[in-house]
Amino acid sequence: MKLYRDFVSQEEIDQQYNIEAAVGDMRPYVEWFVGGSAKARAEFDCVLDVPFGPTRDETLDIFPAKSPNAPVLLFVHGGYWRILSSKEFSLVARGPVAHDVTVVVSNYSLCPKVSLAEITRQSRATVAWIANNIARYNGDASRLFVAGHSAGGHQVGMLAATDWVGEYGLPADVIKGGIPISGLFDLRPFRHSWLQPKLQLDADLIERQSPLFHIPEHAAPPLLVTLGGDESSEFHRQSADYVAAWRARGHRAEEFAQPGKNHLTAIGGFEDKDSDLCRAVMEFIKRQVRIHSGSGMSD
């Protein structure tokens, strides 16, 4: 009996999605994430653990741009919704801040302490907080972009599908662009994976929290979708299916290839302002800024 698509066992699904098993020794990656993030916090101005919601997990680490009214990049961290925090992802601020962008790295509660629906609520609350407060950190809320890695890429999809006017009283286009990196847009396989005890998925939660099933019918932000060339076929299918569904509704989606990168190194380019990834992200932001305001950004 097939569990999902052509997969007939949990082992087959885990082989596609279990990152720790795929990369082998995790220690070099952990040292890179932790050490690189500590270095970023030491070298750049930052304001840590800014509360945006009522629970202790709902905090933001903010790396202000040097100039006022700068574009804002919200980054939602990965970890399959059940591990890691904002502190392991401070390193993503290095490249964008060097391009004079205010970077916000969000923290959120983890499964199974909370459900995926609560994580999405917290991410939406993050956007609302930024819209109302980021000016004090040299950010221009009218130029807000959202990026996320892995589980954070899933959150980018959910944020792009939000009714900002009806639910939050914000402009429909409060998010000017989304940048999911190695995103997860179809949750169906995870019900049959090693993650199920942590995620506790059921049919209703999968339906409500899969971005693939919630492509906006009307206005939607443009996307820049990327992942590592060495990631599994399922990760590539997840992004390809999402891009196809996005475009089928008449929305804009660009793709950026990262040959030779795996699931973890796919965000490495954020550390270097001159990397191919960082330049692609900055060009994407600049294009949307020009479209919405008619003004450019300096390099």
C-alpha atoms as a PDB file:
ATOM      1  CA  MET A   1       0.000   0.000   0.000  1.00  0.00           C
ATOM      2  CA  LYS A   2       1.306   3.431  -0.905  1.00  0.00           C
ATOM      3  CA  LEU A   3       1.688   5.886   1.952  1.00  0.00           C
ATOM      4  CA  TYR A   4       2.321   8.942  -0.211  1.00  0.00           C
ATOM      5  CA  ARG A   5       2.913   9.187  -3.947  1.00  0.00           C
ATOM      6  CA  ASP A   6       5.050   6.137  -4.763  1.00  0.00           C
ATOM      7  CA  PHE A   7       6.405   5.677  -1.237  1.00  0.00           C
ATOM      8  CA  VAL A   8       5.336   2.469   0.471  1.00  0.00           C
ATOM      9  CA  SER A   9       7.323   2.726   3.719  1.00  0.00           C
ATOM     10  CA  GLN A  10       8.437   5.219   6.316  1.00  0.00           C
ATOM     11  CA  GLU A  11      12.038   4.301   5.531  1.00  0.00           C
ATOM     12  CA  GLU A  12      11.644   5.510   1.948  1.00  0.00           C
ATOM     13  CA  ILE A  13      10.169   8.817   3.068  1.00  0.00           C
ATOM     14  CA  ASP A  14      12.787   9.302   5.777  1.00  0.00           C
ATOM     15  CA  GLN A  15      15.530   8.709   3.230  1.00  0.00           C
ATOM     16  CA  GLN A  16      14.271  11.716   1.292  1.00  0.00           C
ATOM     17  CA  TYR A  17      13.714  14.072   4.214  1.00  0.00           C
ATOM     18  CA  ASN A  18      16.003  13.091   7.109  1.00  0.00           C
ATOM     19  CA  ILE A  19      18.706  15.727   6.760  1.00  0.00           C
ATOM     20  CA  GLU A  20      20.862  14.534   9.651  1.00  0.00           C
ATOM     21  CA  ALA A  21      21.120  11.075   8.108  1.00  0.00           C
ATOM     22  CA  ALA A  22      21.804  12.539   4.660  1.00  0.00           C
ATOM     23  CA  VAL A  23      24.742  14.758   5.625  1.00  0.00           C
ATOM     24  CA  GLY A  24      26.369  12.314   8.032  1.00  0.00           C
ATOM     25  CA  ASP A  25      28.452  14.071  10.681  1.00  0.00           C
ATOM     26  CA  MET A  26      26.458  17.085  11.865  1.00  0.00           C
ATOM     27  CA  ARG A  27      29.203  18.523  14.058  1.00  0.00           C
ATOM     28  CA  PRO A  28      30.851  20.731  11.413  1.00  0.00           C
ATOM     29  CA  TYR A  29      27.460  22.187  10.500  1.00  0.00           C
ATOM     30  CA  VAL A  30      26.533  22.829  14.123  1.00  0.00           C
ATOM     31  CA  GLU A  31      29.874  24.526  14.714  1.00  0.00           C
ATOM     32  CA  TRP A  32      29.348  26.653  11.607  1.00  0.00           C
ATOM     33  CA  PHE A  33      25.815  27.724  12.555  1.00  0.00           C
ATOM     34  CA  VAL A  34      26.676  28.446  16.196  1.00  0.00           C
ATOM     35  CA  GLY A  35      30.095  29.990  15.588  1.00  0.00           C
ATOM     36  CA  GLY A  36      29.080  32.014  12.550  1.00  0.00           C
ATOM     37  CA  SER A  37      26.047  33.363  14.355  1.00  0.00           C
ATOM     38  CA  ALA A  38      28.052  34.360  17.420  1.00  0.00           C
ATOM     39  CA  LYS A  39      30.492  36.157  15.131  1.00  0.00           C
ATOM     40  CA  ALA A  40      27.659  38.027  13.416  1.00  0.00           C
ATOM     41  CA  ARG A  41      26.239  39.181  16.747  1.00  0.00           C
ATOM     42  CA  ALA A  42      29.687  40.362  17.831  1.00  0.00           C
ATOM     43  CA  GLU A  43      30.489  42.253  14.636  1.00  0.00           C
ATOM     44  CA  PHE A  44      27.141  43.892  13.833  1.00  0.00           C
ATOM     45  CA  ASP A  45      24.871  46.131  15.847  1.00  0.00           C
ATOM     46  CA  CYS A  46      21.962  44.037  17.056  1.00  0.00           C
ATOM     47  CA  VAL A  47      19.063  44.155  19.454  1.00  0.00           C
ATOM     48  CA  LEU A  48      18.297  40.710  20.806  1.00  0.00           C
ATOM     49  CA  ASP A  49      15.224  39.019  22.245  1.00  0.00           C
ATOM     50  CA  VAL A  50      12.767  41.773  21.396  1.00  0.00           C
ATOM     51  CA  PRO A  51       9.308  40.472  22.396  1.00  0.00           C
ATOM     52  CA  PHE A  52       6.587  40.514  19.768  1.00  0.00           C
ATOM     53  CA  GLY A  53       3.985  38.331  21.475  1.00  0.00           C
ATOM     54  CA  PRO A  54       2.795  37.232  24.900  1.00  0.00           C
ATOM     55  CA  THR A  55       4.831  34.032  25.274  1.00  0.00           C
ATOM     56  CA  ARG A  56       8.517  33.804  26.163  1.00  0.00           C
ATOM     57  CA  ASP A  57       9.351  32.103  22.852  1.00  0.00           C
ATOM     58  CA  GLU A  58       8.004  34.972  20.763  1.00  0.00           C
ATOM     59  CA  THR A  59      11.111  37.119  20.314  1.00  0.00           C
ATOM     60  CA  LEU A  60      13.051  38.780  17.518  1.00  0.00           C
ATOM     61  CA  ASP A  61      16.742  39.404  16.972  1.00  0.00           C
ATOM     62  CA  ILE A  62      17.111  42.609  14.974  1.00  0.00           C
ATOM     63  CA  PHE A  63      20.159  43.737  12.999  1.00  0.00           C
ATOM     64  CA  PRO A  64      19.450  47.358  12.002  1.00  0.00           C
ATOM     65  CA  ALA A  65      20.661  48.848   8.748  1.00  0.00           C
ATOM     66  CA  LYS A  66      22.994  51.833   8.955  1.00  0.00           C
ATOM     67  CA  SER A  67      20.609  54.066   7.026  1.00  0.00           C
ATOM     68  CA  PRO A  68      17.031  54.947   8.008  1.00  0.00           C
ATOM     69  CA  ASN A  69      14.094  53.735   5.943  1.00  0.00           C
ATOM     70  CA  ALA A  70      15.987  50.681   4.736  1.00  0.00           C
ATOM     71  CA  PRO A  71      14.329  47.576   3.286  1.00  0.00           C
ATOM     72  CA  VAL A  72      13.549  44.879   5.836  1.00  0.00           C
ATOM     73  CA  LEU A  73      14.269  41.157   5.534  1.00  0.00           C
ATOM     74  CA  LEU A  74      12.516  38.868   8.000  1.00  0.00           C
ATOM     75  CA  PHE A  75      14.226  35.468   8.231  1.00  0.00           C
ATOM     76  CA  VAL A  76      12.329  32.476   9.685  1.00  0.00           C
ATOM     77  CA  HIS A  77      14.692  29.742  10.831  1.00  0.00           C
ATOM     78  CA  GLY A  78      14.514  26.051   9.998  1.00  0.00           C
ATOM     79  CA  GLY A  79      14.762  22.905  12.115  1.00  0.00           C
ATOM     80  CA  TYR A  80      11.714  20.906  11.002  1.00  0.00           C
ATOM     81  CA  TRP A  81       9.521  22.966  13.334  1.00  0.00           C
ATOM     82  CA  ARG A  82      10.939  21.111  16.370  1.00  0.00           C
ATOM     83  CA  ILE A  83      14.556  22.214  16.995  1.00  0.00           C
ATOM     84  CA  LEU A  84      16.854  25.270  16.826  1.00  0.00           C
ATOM     85  CA  SER A  85      16.162  28.929  17.498  1.00  0.00           C
ATOM     86  CA  SER A  86      16.887  32.385  16.156  1.00  0.00           C
ATOM     87  CA  LYS A  87      20.327  32.318  17.801  1.00  0.00           C
ATOM     88  CA  GLU A  88      21.691  29.662  15.425  1.00  0.00           C
ATOM     89  CA  PHE A  89      20.698  31.799  12.421  1.00  0.00           C
ATOM     90  CA  SER A  90      22.185  35.200  13.208  1.00  0.00           C
ATOM     91  CA  LEU A  91      24.742  34.428  10.493  1.00  0.00           C
ATOM     92  CA  VAL A  92      22.144  35.110   7.784  1.00  0.00           C
ATOM     93  CA  ALA A  93      22.232  38.818   8.687  1.00  0.00           C
ATOM     94  CA  ARG A  94      25.824  39.340   7.563  1.00  0.00           C
ATOM     95  CA  GLY A  95      25.312  39.744   3.811  1.00  0.00           C
ATOM     96  CA  PRO A  96      22.032  41.675   3.783  1.00  0.00           C
ATOM     97  CA  VAL A  97      23.111  44.100   6.541  1.00  0.00           C
ATOM     98  CA  ALA A  98      26.264  44.806   4.550  1.00  0.00           C
ATOM     99  CA  HIS A  99      23.894  45.844   1.738  1.00  0.00           C
ATOM    100  CA  ASP A 100      22.147  48.217   4.181  1.00  0.00           C
ATOM    101  CA  VAL A 101      19.093  46.046   4.844  1.00  0.00           C
ATOM    102  CA  THR A 102      17.540  45.699   8.301  1.00  0.00           C
ATOM    103  CA  VAL A 103      17.418  41.984   9.115  1.00  0.00           C
ATOM    104  CA  VAL A 104      15.006  40.434  11.609  1.00  0.00           C
ATOM    105  CA  VAL A 105      15.516  36.805  12.685  1.00  0.00           C
ATOM    106  CA  SER A 106      12.419  35.431  14.365  1.00  0.00           C
ATOM    107  CA  ASN A 107      12.147  32.930  17.194  1.00  0.00           C
ATOM    108  CA  TYR A 108       9.045  30.806  17.728  1.00  0.00           C
ATOM    109  CA  SER A 109       7.684  27.990  19.860  1.00  0.00           C
ATOM    110  CA  LEU A 110       8.486  24.457  18.721  1.00  0.00           C
ATOM    111  CA  CYS A 111       6.568  21.220  18.190  1.00  0.00           C
ATOM    112  CA  PRO A 112       5.284  19.274  20.062  1.00  0.00           C
ATOM    113  CA  LYS A 113       4.961  22.055  22.648  1.00  0.00           C
ATOM    114  CA  VAL A 114       2.734  23.816  20.115  1.00  0.00           C
ATOM    115  CA  SER A 115       1.152  22.827  16.805  1.00  0.00           C
ATOM    116  CA  LEU A 116       2.184  23.963  13.337  1.00  0.00           C
ATOM    117  CA  ALA A 117      -0.881  26.202  13.340  1.00  0.00           C
ATOM    118  CA  GLU A 118       0.461  28.049  16.378  1.00  0.00           C
ATOM    119  CA  ILE A 119       3.867  28.464  14.735  1.00  0.00           C
ATOM    120  CA  THR A 120       2.126  30.029  11.747  1.00  0.00           C
ATOM    121  CA  ARG A 121       0.158  32.329  14.046  1.00  0.00           C
ATOM    122  CA  GLN A 122       3.390  33.459  15.655  1.00  0.00           C
ATOM    123  CA  SER A 123       5.009  34.128  12.276  1.00  0.00           C
ATOM    124  CA  ARG A 124       2.023  36.205  11.240  1.00  0.00           C
ATOM    125  CA  ALA A 125       2.253  38.117  14.515  1.00  0.00           C
ATOM    126  CA  THR A 126       5.905  38.772  13.699  1.00  0.00           C
ATOM    127  CA  VAL A 127       4.940  40.443  10.422  1.00  0.00           C
ATOM    128  CA  ALA A 128       2.310  42.550  12.200  1.00  0.00           C
ATOM    129  CA  TRP A 129       4.873  43.637  14.804  1.00  0.00           C
ATOM    130  CA  ILE A 130       7.388  44.572  12.111  1.00  0.00           C
ATOM    131  CA  ALA A 131       4.766  46.557  10.217  1.00  0.00           C
ATOM    132  CA  ASN A 132       4.074  48.641  13.310  1.00  0.00           C
ATOM    133  CA  ASN A 133       7.494  48.902  14.942  1.00  0.00           C
ATOM    134  CA  ILE A 134      10.426  48.409  12.582  1.00  0.00           C
ATOM    135  CA  ALA A 135      10.937  52.130  11.884  1.00  0.00           C
ATOM    136  CA  ARG A 136      12.773  52.449  15.201  1.00  0.00           C
ATOM    137  CA  TYR A 137      15.360  49.988  13.833  1.00  0.00           C
ATOM    138  CA  ASN A 138      15.959  51.908  10.569  1.00  0.00           C
ATOM    139  CA  GLY A 139      13.507  49.697   8.685  1.00  0.00           C
ATOM    140  CA  ASP A 140      10.826  50.742   6.222  1.00  0.00           C
ATOM    141  CA  ALA A 141       7.758  48.553   6.799  1.00  0.00           C
ATOM    142  CA  SER A 142       6.534  49.317   3.277  1.00  0.00           C
ATOM    143  CA  ARG A 143       9.554  47.421   1.950  1.00  0.00           C
ATOM    144  CA  LEU A 144       9.260  44.164   3.882  1.00  0.00           C
ATOM    145  CA  PHE A 145      10.534  40.869   2.462  1.00  0.00           C
ATOM    146  CA  VAL A 146      10.318  37.440   4.070  1.00  0.00           C
ATOM    147  CA  ALA A 147      12.853  34.619   3.740  1.00  0.00           C
ATOM    148  CA  GLY A 148      12.928  31.248   5.456  1.00  0.00           C
ATOM    149  CA  HIS A 149      14.903  28.028   5.389  1.00  0.00           C
ATOM    150  CA  SER A 150      13.316  24.544   5.332  1.00  0.00           C
ATOM    151  CA  ALA A 151      10.525  24.767   7.932  1.00  0.00           C
ATOM    152  CA  GLY A 152      11.024  28.519   7.637  1.00  0.00           C
ATOM    153  CA  GLY A 153      10.374  28.179   3.902  1.00  0.00           C
ATOM    154  CA  HIS A 154       7.066  26.565   4.826  1.00  0.00           C
ATOM    155  CA  GLN A 155       6.320  29.632   6.914  1.00  0.00           C
ATOM    156  CA  VAL A 156       7.099  31.914   3.974  1.00  0.00           C
ATOM    157  CA  GLY A 157       4.395  30.051   2.051  1.00  0.00           C
ATOM    158  CA  MET A 158       1.893  30.445   4.872  1.00  0.00           C
ATOM    159  CA  LEU A 159       2.683  34.157   5.244  1.00  0.00           C
ATOM    160  CA  ALA A 160       2.191  34.644   1.509  1.00  0.00           C
ATOM    161  CA  ALA A 161      -1.282  33.100   1.841  1.00  0.00           C
ATOM    162  CA  THR A 162      -2.400  35.324   4.738  1.00  0.00           C
ATOM    163  CA  ASP A 163      -5.416  37.648   4.635  1.00  0.00           C
ATOM    164  CA  TRP A 164      -3.522  40.648   5.911  1.00  0.00           C
ATOM    165  CA  VAL A 165      -6.381  43.099   5.396  1.00  0.00           C
ATOM    166  CA  GLY A 166      -9.166  41.048   6.951  1.00  0.00           C
ATOM    167  CA  GLU A 167      -7.213  39.505   9.818  1.00  0.00           C
ATOM    168  CA  TYR A 168      -4.643  42.163  10.714  1.00  0.00           C
ATOM    169  CA  GLY A 169      -5.779  45.434   9.186  1.00  0.00           C
ATOM    170  CA  LEU A 170      -2.542  45.648   7.198  1.00  0.00           C
ATOM    171  CA  PRO A 171      -2.085  46.341   3.490  1.00  0.00           C
ATOM    172  CA  ALA A 172      -2.744  43.320   1.303  1.00  0.00           C
ATOM    173  CA  ASP A 173       0.787  43.677  -0.055  1.00  0.00           C
ATOM    174  CA  VAL A 174       2.509  44.142   3.314  1.00  0.00           C
ATOM    175  CA  ILE A 175       4.966  41.480   2.137  1.00  0.00           C
ATOM    176  CA  LYS A 176       6.675  42.693  -1.023  1.00  0.00           C
ATOM    177  CA  GLY A 177       8.410  39.403  -1.789  1.00  0.00           C
ATOM    178  CA  GLY A 178       9.019  35.910  -0.429  1.00  0.00           C
ATOM    179  CA  ILE A 179      12.261  33.924  -0.509  1.00  0.00           C
ATOM    180  CA  PRO A 180      11.736  30.280   0.519  1.00  0.00           C
ATOM    181  CA  ILE A 181      14.973  28.290   0.700  1.00  0.00           C
ATOM    182  CA  SER A 182      14.639  24.480   0.614  1.00  0.00           C
ATOM    183  CA  GLY A 183      11.003  24.996   1.549  1.00  0.00           C
ATOM    184  CA  LEU A 184       8.392  22.427   2.542  1.00  0.00           C
ATOM    185  CA  PHE A 185       5.046  23.195   0.961  1.00  0.00           C
ATOM    186  CA  ASP A 186       3.222  19.841   1.020  1.00  0.00           C
ATOM    187  CA  LEU A 187       3.004  18.318   4.501  1.00  0.00           C
ATOM    188  CA  ARG A 188       1.444  15.011   3.485  1.00  0.00           C
ATOM    189  CA  PRO A 189       4.644  12.930   3.544  1.00  0.00           C
ATOM    190  CA  PHE A 190       5.528  13.971   7.092  1.00  0.00           C
ATOM    191  CA  ARG A 191       2.540  12.191   8.584  1.00  0.00           C
ATOM    192  CA  HIS A 192       4.324   8.961   7.592  1.00  0.00           C
ATOM    193  CA  SER A 193       7.815  10.042   8.639  1.00  0.00           C
ATOM    194  CA  TRP A 194       9.999   9.922  11.747  1.00  0.00           C
ATOM    195  CA  LEU A 195       8.744  13.446  12.506  1.00  0.00           C
ATOM    196  CA  GLN A 196       5.133  12.449  13.128  1.00  0.00           C
ATOM    197  CA  PRO A 197       5.478  11.979  16.929  1.00  0.00           C
ATOM    198  CA  LYS A 198       6.740  15.566  17.157  1.00  0.00           C
ATOM    199  CA  LEU A 199       4.451  17.175  14.590  1.00  0.00           C
ATOM    200  CA  GLN A 200       1.285  15.190  15.416  1.00  0.00           C
ATOM    201  CA  LEU A 201      -0.213  15.808  12.000  1.00  0.00           C
ATOM    202  CA  ASP A 202      -3.735  14.853  11.035  1.00  0.00           C
ATOM    203  CA  ALA A 203      -5.646  15.323   7.791  1.00  0.00           C
ATOM    204  CA  ASP A 204      -7.133  18.653   8.859  1.00  0.00           C
ATOM    205  CA  LEU A 205      -3.828  20.144   9.990  1.00  0.00           C
ATOM    206  CA  ILE A 206      -2.123  18.993   6.788  1.00  0.00           C
ATOM    207  CA  GLU A 207      -4.839  20.622   4.697  1.00  0.00           C
ATOM    208  CA  ARG A 208      -4.792  23.904   6.621  1.00  0.00           C
ATOM    209  CA  GLN A 209      -1.019  24.201   6.952  1.00  0.00           C
ATOM    210  CA  SER A 210       0.253  23.103   3.541  1.00  0.00           C
ATOM    211  CA  PRO A 211       1.087  26.203   1.475  1.00  0.00           C
ATOM    212  CA  LEU A 212       0.649  24.164  -1.705  1.00  0.00           C
ATOM    213  CA  PHE A 213      -3.082  23.989  -0.946  1.00  0.00           C
ATOM    214  CA  HIS A 214      -3.404  27.720  -0.244  1.00  0.00           C
ATOM    215  CA  ILE A 215      -2.138  29.551  -3.303  1.00  0.00           C
ATOM    216  CA  PRO A 216      -3.739  33.020  -3.227  1.00  0.00           C
ATOM    217  CA  GLU A 217      -6.382  33.515  -5.867  1.00  0.00           C
ATOM    218  CA  HIS A 218      -5.719  37.185  -6.411  1.00  0.00           C
ATOM    219  CA  ALA A 219      -2.809  39.445  -5.436  1.00  0.00           C
ATOM    220  CA  ALA A 220       0.261  37.674  -4.099  1.00  0.00           C
ATOM    221  CA  PRO A 221       3.893  38.629  -3.537  1.00  0.00           C
ATOM    222  CA  PRO A 222       6.492  37.526  -6.070  1.00  0.00           C
ATOM    223  CA  LEU A 223       8.750  34.684  -4.989  1.00  0.00           C
ATOM    224  CA  LEU A 224      12.420  33.845  -5.335  1.00  0.00           C
ATOM    225  CA  VAL A 225      12.629  30.089  -4.775  1.00  0.00           C
ATOM    226  CA  THR A 226      15.935  28.318  -4.210  1.00  0.00           C
ATOM    227  CA  LEU A 227      17.465  25.135  -2.796  1.00  0.00           C
ATOM    228  CA  GLY A 228      20.681  23.187  -2.941  1.00  0.00           C
ATOM    229  CA  GLY A 229      21.429  21.223  -6.079  1.00  0.00           C
ATOM    230  CA  ASP A 230      22.494  18.232  -3.971  1.00  0.00           C
ATOM    231  CA  GLU A 231      19.221  18.025  -2.036  1.00  0.00           C
ATOM    232  CA  SER A 232      16.951  15.006  -2.417  1.00  0.00           C
ATOM    233  CA  SER A 233      14.512  14.568  -5.272  1.00  0.00           C
ATOM    234  CA  GLU A 234      11.616  15.189  -2.883  1.00  0.00           C
ATOM    235  CA  PHE A 235      12.987  18.579  -1.842  1.00  0.00           C
ATOM    236  CA  HIS A 236      13.314  19.496  -5.504  1.00  0.00           C
ATOM    237  CA  ARG A 237       9.770  18.275  -6.178  1.00  0.00           C
ATOM    238  CA  GLN A 238       8.402  20.296  -3.259  1.00  0.00           C
ATOM    239  CA  SER A 239       9.808  23.529  -4.689  1.00  0.00           C
ATOM    240  CA  ALA A 240       8.955  22.657  -8.303  1.00  0.00           C
ATOM    241  CA  ASP A 241       5.339  21.851  -7.464  1.00  0.00           C
ATOM    242  CA  TYR A 242       4.961  25.028  -5.460  1.00  0.00           C
ATOM    243  CA  VAL A 243       6.445  27.207  -8.195  1.00  0.00           C
ATOM    244  CA  ALA A 244       4.188  25.560 -10.789  1.00  0.00           C
ATOM    245  CA  ALA A 245       1.088  26.119  -8.639  1.00  0.00           C
ATOM    246  CA  TRP A 246       2.112  29.728  -7.972  1.00  0.00           C
ATOM    247  CA  ARG A 247       2.566  30.467 -11.648  1.00  0.00           C
ATOM    248  CA  ALA A 248      -0.655  28.652 -12.581  1.00  0.00           C
ATOM    249  CA  ARG A 249      -2.529  31.312 -10.588  1.00  0.00           C
ATOM    250  CA  GLY A 250      -0.787  34.035 -12.543  1.00  0.00           C
ATOM    251  CA  HIS A 251       1.689  34.956  -9.806  1.00  0.00           C
ATOM    252  CA  ARG A 252       5.370  35.649 -10.364  1.00  0.00           C
ATOM    253  CA  ALA A 253       8.036  33.194  -9.219  1.00  0.00           C
ATOM    254  CA  GLU A 254      11.738  33.184  -9.994  1.00  0.00           C
ATOM    255  CA  GLU A 255      14.057  30.236  -9.394  1.00  0.00           C
ATOM    256  CA  PHE A 256      17.684  30.400  -8.356  1.00  0.00           C
ATOM    257  CA  ALA A 257      19.829  27.280  -8.700  1.00  0.00           C
ATOM    258  CA  GLN A 258      22.546  26.443  -6.183  1.00  0.00           C
ATOM    259  CA  PRO A 259      24.586  23.595  -7.678  1.00  0.00           C
ATOM    260  CA  GLY A 260      26.791  21.702  -5.249  1.00  0.00           C
ATOM    261  CA  LYS A 261      24.924  22.919  -2.155  1.00  0.00           C
ATOM    262  CA  ASN A 262      23.151  20.599   0.275  1.00  0.00           C
ATOM    263  CA  HIS A 263      20.196  21.330   2.533  1.00  0.00           C
ATOM    264  CA  LEU A 264      22.345  23.046   5.155  1.00  0.00           C
ATOM    265  CA  THR A 265      24.802  24.916   2.952  1.00  0.00           C
ATOM    266  CA  ALA A 266      21.935  26.313   0.848  1.00  0.00           C
ATOM    267  CA  ILE A 267      21.793  29.336   3.184  1.00  0.00           C
ATOM    268  CA  GLY A 268      25.552  29.836   3.355  1.00  0.00           C
ATOM    269  CA  GLY A 269      25.489  32.612   0.780  1.00  0.00           C
ATOM    270  CA  PHE A 270      23.704  34.906   3.225  1.00  0.00           C
ATOM    271  CA  GLU A 271      26.992  35.273   5.114  1.00  0.00           C
ATOM    272  CA  ASP A 272      28.816  36.873   2.178  1.00  0.00           C
ATOM    273  CA  LYS A 273      27.524  40.077   0.608  1.00  0.00           C
ATOM    274  CA  ASP A 274      29.280  39.165  -2.635  1.00  0.00           C
ATOM    275  CA  SER A 275      28.035  35.572  -2.899  1.00  0.00           C
ATOM    276  CA  ASP A 276      25.827  34.521  -5.793  1.00  0.00           C
ATOM    277  CA  LEU A 277      22.923  33.872  -3.426  1.00  0.00           C
ATOM    278  CA  CYS A 278      23.178  37.167  -1.586  1.00  0.00           C
ATOM    279  CA  ARG A 279      23.449  39.093  -4.836  1.00  0.00           C
ATOM    280  CA  ALA A 280      20.412  37.260  -6.235  1.00  0.00           C
ATOM    281  CA  VAL A 281      18.422  38.095  -3.100  1.00  0.00           C
ATOM    282  CA  MET A 282      19.475  41.739  -3.204  1.00  0.00           C
ATOM    283  CA  GLU A 283      18.633  42.053  -6.899  1.00  0.00           C
ATOM    284  CA  PHE A 284      15.229  40.512  -6.191  1.00  0.00           C
ATOM    285  CA  ILE A 285      14.636  43.028  -3.397  1.00  0.00           C
ATOM    286  CA  LYS A 286      15.798  45.937  -5.540  1.00  0.00           C
ATOM    287  CA  ARG A 287      13.469  44.981  -8.394  1.00  0.00           C
ATOM    288  CA  GLN A 288      10.459  44.894  -6.108  1.00  0.00           C
ATOM    289  CA  VAL A 289      11.440  48.169  -4.459  1.00  0.00           C
ATOM    290  CA  ARG A 290      11.621  49.823  -7.872  1.00  0.00           C
ATOM    291  CA  ILE A 291       8.267  48.367  -8.868  1.00  0.00           C
ATOM    292  CA  HIS A 292       6.517  49.576  -5.726  1.00  0.00           C
ATOM    293  CA  SER A 293       8.216  52.934  -5.191  1.00  0.00           C
ATOM    294  CA  GLY A 294       9.944  53.842  -8.403  1.00  0.00           C
ATOM    295  CA  SER A 295      13.169  54.287  -6.458  1.00  0.00           C
ATOM    296  CA  GLY A 296      16.279  52.185  -6.419  1.00  0.00           C
ATOM    297  CA  MET A 297      18.682  51.092  -3.714  1.00  0.00           C
ATOM    298  CA  SER A 298      22.376  51.796  -3.489  1.00  0.00           C
ATOM    299  CA  ASP A 299      24.796  48.877  -3.460  1.00  0.00           C
END
